[in-house]
Amino acid sequence: MAKQRGKASVARRPRLAVCRGGLAAGLVLAVVYAVLMMSITVWGWRGLGQGALVVWGVAQAVLAYGVFCLYRRQRAARWGAVAAVLAMSAVFTVVPPSPFLGAAFQALALAGFSLVLYDLQKVLGVPLMLPGGLIFLSVIASLLNSPLMAFVGLAFLALGSALALTRF
C-alpha cells in the first residue's frame, strides 16, 4: 500500500497572471463589441448585428472565466456569484429565453463586474474605481429607453473597458 499524504489532494490555485489575462481578453472583446455596436448605429451597418451579439456573448464568457479564476484564487463568494451570472448572461445573449430576462441578466452581470473591479482595486492596489464606475454607468445608460442614452452607454462601456485595460 502506498503512503497516503496527510491532506487530500487540493486543486491548485491559479496564478494571478492567468486571471489578469482572462479579464484583459474579455475587456478587449467588450471594447470590440462597443465599437461594433456604435458603428452599426452611426454608419448603419446592419449586417454586423448578429456578429456583434456573438462577440458580446463570447466577451461575457471570457469575463466569467476571468472572474471565476479570481474566485478560485481569493475565495470571495461574491466573485463566484458574479462569474455565474456572467456565464448565464453569456448564454442568454446568444439564446435569449425572453427579452426581459436577457436584458436583466446582462445588467446584473455588468453591475456585478463593475463591483469586482472595485474589489480588485483593494486586492491589487491598482486604481480600478473609475473604470468600474464607467462600466456601471453604461448599465444605467443602456437601461434608459432612448437611442441616445444607449449610444452613451456603449461609449461608457468602451471607455471603461479600455481604461481598465491600461491599468491591468
Protein backbone atom coordinates (compact mmCIF):
# COMPACT_ATOMS: atom_id res chain seq x y z
CA MET A 1 0.00 0.00 0.00
CA ALA A 2 1.34 3.39 -0.95
CA LYS A 3 1.85 6.04 1.66
CA GLN A 4 -1.03 8.42 2.00
CA ARG A 5 -0.49 12.09 2.45
CA GLY A 6 -1.95 13.85 5.42
CA LYS A 7 -4.10 16.09 3.22
CA ALA A 8 -6.47 15.26 0.45
CA SER A 9 -5.49 16.48 -2.97
CA VAL A 10 -6.33 20.15 -3.27
CA ALA A 11 -6.78 21.89 -6.60
CA ARG A 12 -4.01 24.33 -7.34
CA ARG A 13 -4.81 27.98 -7.10
CA PRO A 14 -4.42 29.70 -10.44
CA ARG A 15 -1.71 32.27 -10.89
CA LEU A 16 -2.77 35.88 -10.88
CA ALA A 17 -1.35 36.38 -14.39
CA VAL A 18 -3.83 33.82 -15.75
CA CYS A 19 -6.73 35.66 -14.12
CA ARG A 20 -5.50 39.01 -15.41
CA GLY A 21 -5.13 37.56 -18.90
CA GLY A 22 -8.70 36.29 -18.88
CA LEU A 23 -10.03 39.63 -17.70
CA ALA A 24 -7.92 41.52 -20.24
CA ALA A 25 -9.17 39.33 -23.11
CA GLY A 26 -12.76 39.86 -22.01
CA LEU A 27 -12.25 43.61 -21.79
CA VAL A 28 -10.73 43.69 -25.29
CA LEU A 29 -13.79 41.86 -26.59
CA ALA A 30 -16.05 44.31 -24.73
CA VAL A 31 -14.31 47.21 -26.49
CA VAL A 32 -14.71 45.42 -29.83
CA TYR A 33 -18.42 44.88 -29.12
CA ALA A 34 -18.97 48.52 -28.15
CA VAL A 35 -17.17 49.78 -31.27
CA LEU A 36 -19.15 47.39 -33.49
CA MET A 37 -22.46 48.48 -32.00
CA MET A 38 -21.56 52.16 -32.28
CA SER A 39 -20.55 51.68 -35.91
CA ILE A 40 -23.88 49.97 -36.58
CA THR A 41 -25.63 52.99 -35.06
CA VAL A 42 -23.56 55.68 -36.75
CA TRP A 43 -22.94 54.22 -40.20
CA GLY A 44 -25.95 51.94 -40.43
CA TRP A 45 -24.01 48.70 -40.91
CA ARG A 46 -26.96 46.45 -40.12
CA GLY A 47 -25.20 43.27 -41.26
CA LEU A 48 -22.94 43.32 -38.20
CA GLY A 49 -25.79 42.99 -35.68
CA GLN A 50 -25.71 39.21 -35.17
CA GLY A 51 -21.92 39.12 -35.22
CA ALA A 52 -21.77 41.82 -32.57
CA LEU A 53 -24.10 39.80 -30.33
CA VAL A 54 -21.87 36.76 -30.70
CA VAL A 55 -18.82 38.89 -29.81
CA TRP A 56 -20.68 40.19 -26.74
CA GLY A 57 -21.62 36.66 -25.67
CA VAL A 58 -18.02 35.50 -26.03
CA ALA A 59 -16.82 38.60 -24.16
CA GLN A 60 -19.10 37.80 -21.24
CA ALA A 61 -18.00 34.16 -21.24
CA VAL A 62 -14.33 35.19 -21.16
CA LEU A 63 -15.02 37.72 -18.40
CA ALA A 64 -16.83 34.96 -16.49
CA TYR A 65 -13.72 32.79 -16.81
CA GLY A 66 -11.50 35.61 -15.52
CA VAL A 67 -13.78 36.35 -12.57
CA PHE A 68 -14.11 32.63 -11.75
CA CYS A 69 -10.33 32.39 -11.83
CA LEU A 70 -10.18 35.25 -9.32
CA TYR A 71 -12.78 33.45 -7.20
CA ARG A 72 -10.65 30.30 -7.15
CA ARG A 73 -7.65 32.39 -6.16
CA GLN A 74 -9.21 34.58 -3.45
CA ARG A 75 -12.27 32.52 -2.40
CA ALA A 76 -14.56 35.56 -2.35
CA ALA A 77 -18.08 34.17 -2.70
CA ARG A 78 -19.39 37.33 -4.35
CA TRP A 79 -16.88 36.84 -7.19
CA GLY A 80 -18.16 33.31 -7.72
CA ALA A 81 -21.70 34.63 -7.91
CA VAL A 82 -20.69 37.30 -10.43
CA ALA A 83 -18.91 34.67 -12.52
CA ALA A 84 -22.05 32.53 -12.55
CA VAL A 85 -24.25 35.47 -13.54
CA LEU A 86 -21.76 36.46 -16.27
CA ALA A 87 -21.80 32.92 -17.64
CA MET A 88 -25.61 32.78 -17.65
CA SER A 89 -25.72 36.20 -19.27
CA ALA A 90 -23.36 34.98 -21.99
CA VAL A 91 -25.71 32.10 -22.73
CA PHE A 92 -28.78 34.35 -22.61
CA THR A 93 -27.11 36.79 -25.02
CA VAL A 94 -26.83 34.16 -27.74
CA VAL A 95 -30.02 32.22 -26.90
CA PRO A 96 -32.36 34.59 -25.01
CA PRO A 97 -35.28 32.92 -23.19
CA SER A 98 -37.12 36.26 -23.23
CA PRO A 99 -36.03 39.83 -23.99
CA PHE A 100 -36.64 40.95 -20.41
CA LEU A 101 -34.70 38.09 -18.83
CA GLY A 102 -31.78 38.55 -21.22
CA ALA A 103 -31.56 42.30 -20.52
CA ALA A 104 -31.93 41.76 -16.77
CA PHE A 105 -29.09 39.23 -16.64
CA GLN A 106 -26.84 41.45 -18.76
CA ALA A 107 -27.47 44.44 -16.49
CA LEU A 108 -26.89 42.36 -13.37
CA ALA A 109 -23.74 40.82 -14.83
CA LEU A 110 -22.18 44.15 -15.78
CA ALA A 111 -23.12 45.74 -12.46
CA GLY A 112 -21.51 42.79 -10.66
CA PHE A 113 -18.42 43.01 -12.85
CA SER A 114 -18.04 46.70 -12.01
CA LEU A 115 -18.11 45.73 -8.32
CA VAL A 116 -15.46 43.08 -8.98
CA LEU A 117 -13.26 45.82 -10.46
CA TYR A 118 -13.84 47.88 -7.31
CA ASP A 119 -12.82 44.91 -5.14
CA LEU A 120 -9.76 44.30 -7.31
CA GLN A 121 -8.64 47.81 -6.51
CA LYS A 122 -8.38 46.75 -2.87
CA VAL A 123 -6.66 43.43 -3.65
CA LEU A 124 -4.20 44.54 -6.33
CA GLY A 125 -3.66 48.12 -5.29
CA VAL A 126 -4.35 49.26 -8.87
CA PRO A 127 -6.82 52.14 -9.29
CA LEU A 128 -9.82 50.45 -10.94
CA MET A 129 -12.61 52.52 -9.37
CA LEU A 130 -13.02 54.83 -12.39
CA PRO A 131 -13.25 52.01 -14.97
CA GLY A 132 -15.71 50.16 -12.74
CA GLY A 133 -17.78 53.33 -12.40
CA LEU A 134 -17.84 53.90 -16.14
CA ILE A 135 -18.95 50.32 -16.75
CA PHE A 136 -21.68 50.75 -14.12
CA LEU A 137 -22.80 53.98 -15.79
CA SER A 138 -23.00 52.07 -19.07
CA VAL A 139 -25.55 49.77 -17.45
CA ILE A 140 -27.65 52.68 -16.23
CA ALA A 141 -27.49 54.48 -19.59
CA SER A 142 -28.40 51.35 -21.56
CA LEU A 143 -31.45 50.69 -19.39
CA LEU A 144 -32.97 54.07 -20.24
CA ASN A 145 -35.33 53.87 -23.17
CA SER A 146 -33.53 56.25 -25.52
CA PRO A 147 -31.28 55.61 -28.52
CA LEU A 148 -29.01 58.48 -27.48
CA MET A 149 -28.54 57.07 -23.98
CA ALA A 150 -27.91 53.59 -25.42
CA PHE A 151 -25.14 55.11 -27.53
CA VAL A 152 -23.75 56.92 -24.47
CA GLY A 153 -23.89 53.61 -22.59
CA LEU A 154 -21.83 51.94 -25.32
CA ALA A 155 -19.34 54.79 -25.15
CA PHE A 156 -19.08 54.37 -21.35
CA LEU A 157 -18.57 50.62 -21.82
CA ALA A 158 -15.79 51.19 -24.36
CA LEU A 159 -14.10 53.86 -22.24
CA GLY A 160 -14.36 51.89 -19.01
CA SER A 161 -13.06 48.70 -20.59
CA ALA A 162 -10.20 50.49 -22.34
CA LEU A 163 -9.27 52.32 -19.15
CA ALA A 164 -9.32 49.07 -17.17
CA LEU A 165 -7.06 47.51 -19.80
CA THR A 166 -4.47 50.24 -19.34
CA ARG A 167 -4.40 49.62 -15.60
CA PHE A 168 -4.02 45.83 -15.59
